[in-house]
């Protein structure tokens, strides 16, 4: 199982370029329109060069995020979990 660590929480308008392709890919998978002020969490997947994207307004609680990560064979670390809880 991979460990996911929070790389940052950004609004689309402030999103660093290095994460852009990951965000666009996830948005297309979910058929989601992203607005400039939407909060987007970027999780770095340790041991890989990949990121997991979370559109925070899509989640009602932290359990939904944990369940999604479990499907990707990942688990979020405690510090990242605590930070995300404050944004839901």
C-alpha atoms as a PDB file:
ATOM      1  CA  UNK A   1       0.000   0.000   0.000  1.00  0.00           C
ATOM      2  CA  UNK A   2       1.264   3.467  -0.925  1.00  0.00           C
ATOM      3  CA  UNK A   3       1.326   6.431   1.451  1.00  0.00           C
ATOM      4  CA  UNK A   4      -0.331   9.648   0.262  1.00  0.00           C
ATOM      5  CA  UNK A   5       1.027  12.915   1.642  1.00  0.00           C
ATOM      6  CA  UNK A   6      -0.600  16.299   1.150  1.00  0.00           C
ATOM      7  CA  UNK A   7       1.454  18.368  -1.307  1.00  0.00           C
ATOM      8  CA  UNK A   8      -0.904  21.346  -1.051  1.00  0.00           C
ATOM      9  CA  UNK A   9      -4.405  22.733  -1.281  1.00  0.00           C
ATOM     10  CA  UNK A  10      -4.935  25.216  -4.077  1.00  0.00           C
ATOM     11  CA  UNK A  11      -7.636  27.105  -5.900  1.00  0.00           C
ATOM     12  CA  UNK A  12      -7.617  26.338  -9.612  1.00  0.00           C
ATOM     13  CA  UNK A  13      -6.414  29.849 -10.395  1.00  0.00           C
ATOM     14  CA  UNK A  14      -3.398  29.375  -8.074  1.00  0.00           C
ATOM     15  CA  UNK A  15      -2.585  25.787  -9.052  1.00  0.00           C
ATOM     16  CA  UNK A  16       1.118  25.233  -9.830  1.00  0.00           C
ATOM     17  CA  UNK A  17       1.721  24.149 -13.423  1.00  0.00           C
ATOM     18  CA  UNK A  18       3.292  20.836 -12.370  1.00  0.00           C
ATOM     19  CA  UNK A  19      -0.104  19.586 -11.120  1.00  0.00           C
ATOM     20  CA  UNK A  20      -2.211  20.883 -13.990  1.00  0.00           C
ATOM     21  CA  UNK A  21      -2.233  17.726 -16.107  1.00  0.00           C
ATOM     22  CA  UNK A  22      -3.231  15.579 -13.107  1.00  0.00           C
ATOM     23  CA  UNK A  23      -6.105  17.944 -12.269  1.00  0.00           C
ATOM     24  CA  UNK A  24      -7.342  18.089 -15.863  1.00  0.00           C
ATOM     25  CA  UNK A  25      -7.182  14.294 -16.135  1.00  0.00           C
ATOM     26  CA  UNK A  26      -9.193  13.735 -12.942  1.00  0.00           C
ATOM     27  CA  UNK A  27     -11.731  16.395 -13.988  1.00  0.00           C
ATOM     28  CA  UNK A  28     -12.226  14.671 -17.344  1.00  0.00           C
ATOM     29  CA  UNK A  29     -12.688  11.271 -15.663  1.00  0.00           C
ATOM     30  CA  UNK A  30     -15.353  12.729 -13.394  1.00  0.00           C
ATOM     31  CA  UNK A  31     -16.837  14.919 -16.152  1.00  0.00           C
ATOM     32  CA  UNK A  32     -16.354  17.841 -13.780  1.00  0.00           C
ATOM     33  CA  UNK A  33     -16.249  21.545 -14.594  1.00  0.00           C
ATOM     34  CA  UNK A  34     -13.718  23.245 -12.350  1.00  0.00           C
ATOM     35  CA  UNK A  35     -14.189  26.845 -11.257  1.00  0.00           C
ATOM     36  CA  UNK A  36     -11.345  29.209 -10.372  1.00  0.00           C
ATOM     37  CA  UNK A  37     -12.179  29.209  -6.654  1.00  0.00           C
ATOM     38  CA  UNK A  38     -12.670  25.445  -6.234  1.00  0.00           C
ATOM     39  CA  UNK A  39     -10.370  23.987  -3.575  1.00  0.00           C
ATOM     40  CA  UNK A  40      -8.205  21.196  -4.955  1.00  0.00           C
ATOM     41  CA  UNK A  41      -6.029  19.012  -2.739  1.00  0.00           C
ATOM     42  CA  UNK A  42      -2.978  17.410  -4.300  1.00  0.00           C
ATOM     43  CA  UNK A  43      -1.639  14.266  -2.643  1.00  0.00           C
ATOM     44  CA  UNK A  44       1.842  13.016  -3.504  1.00  0.00           C
ATOM     45  CA  UNK A  45       1.981   9.234  -3.705  1.00  0.00           C
ATOM     46  CA  UNK A  46       5.232   8.187  -2.050  1.00  0.00           C
ATOM     47  CA  UNK A  47       7.447   5.860  -4.044  1.00  0.00           C
ATOM     48  CA  UNK A  48       5.981   7.087  -7.338  1.00  0.00           C
ATOM     49  CA  UNK A  49       6.033  10.202  -9.466  1.00  0.00           C
ATOM     50  CA  UNK A  50       2.254  10.383  -9.334  1.00  0.00           C
ATOM     51  CA  UNK A  51      -0.281  12.566  -7.581  1.00  0.00           C
ATOM     52  CA  UNK A  52      -3.843  11.960  -6.469  1.00  0.00           C
ATOM     53  CA  UNK A  53      -6.257  14.853  -6.990  1.00  0.00           C
ATOM     54  CA  UNK A  54      -9.179  15.618  -4.674  1.00  0.00           C
ATOM     55  CA  UNK A  55     -11.852  18.166  -5.567  1.00  0.00           C
ATOM     56  CA  UNK A  56     -12.728  18.971  -1.968  1.00  0.00           C
ATOM     57  CA  UNK A  57     -16.298  20.143  -2.530  1.00  0.00           C
ATOM     58  CA  UNK A  58     -17.114  16.621  -3.771  1.00  0.00           C
ATOM     59  CA  UNK A  59     -16.581  15.078  -0.320  1.00  0.00           C
ATOM     60  CA  UNK A  60     -18.845  15.167   2.728  1.00  0.00           C
ATOM     61  CA  UNK A  61     -16.345  13.657   5.150  1.00  0.00           C
ATOM     62  CA  UNK A  62     -12.844  12.300   5.456  1.00  0.00           C
ATOM     63  CA  UNK A  63     -14.063   8.693   5.241  1.00  0.00           C
ATOM     64  CA  UNK A  64     -15.058   9.233   1.593  1.00  0.00           C
ATOM     65  CA  UNK A  65     -11.496  10.344   0.831  1.00  0.00           C
ATOM     66  CA  UNK A  66     -10.020   7.364   2.682  1.00  0.00           C
ATOM     67  CA  UNK A  67     -12.302   5.013   0.731  1.00  0.00           C
ATOM     68  CA  UNK A  68     -11.257   6.557  -2.597  1.00  0.00           C
ATOM     69  CA  UNK A  69      -7.582   6.226  -1.718  1.00  0.00           C
ATOM     70  CA  UNK A  70      -8.082   2.613  -0.662  1.00  0.00           C
ATOM     71  CA  UNK A  71      -9.292   1.858  -4.194  1.00  0.00           C
ATOM     72  CA  UNK A  72      -5.991   3.302  -5.437  1.00  0.00           C
ATOM     73  CA  UNK A  73      -4.080   1.121  -2.925  1.00  0.00           C
ATOM     74  CA  UNK A  74      -3.062   4.189  -0.919  1.00  0.00           C
ATOM     75  CA  UNK A  75      -3.468   5.456   2.615  1.00  0.00           C
ATOM     76  CA  UNK A  76      -3.208   9.078   3.711  1.00  0.00           C
ATOM     77  CA  UNK A  77      -0.756   9.955   6.472  1.00  0.00           C
ATOM     78  CA  UNK A  78      -2.035  11.340   9.783  1.00  0.00           C
ATOM     79  CA  UNK A  79      -0.819  14.930   9.365  1.00  0.00           C
ATOM     80  CA  UNK A  80      -2.351  15.215   5.900  1.00  0.00           C
ATOM     81  CA  UNK A  81      -5.584  13.711   7.185  1.00  0.00           C
ATOM     82  CA  UNK A  82      -5.832  16.313   9.934  1.00  0.00           C
ATOM     83  CA  UNK A  83      -5.260  19.179   7.514  1.00  0.00           C
ATOM     84  CA  UNK A  84      -7.868  17.887   5.050  1.00  0.00           C
ATOM     85  CA  UNK A  85     -10.434  17.482   7.823  1.00  0.00           C
ATOM     86  CA  UNK A  86     -10.193  21.224   8.396  1.00  0.00           C
ATOM     87  CA  UNK A  87     -11.108  21.906   4.767  1.00  0.00           C
ATOM     88  CA  UNK A  88     -14.197  19.716   4.536  1.00  0.00           C
END
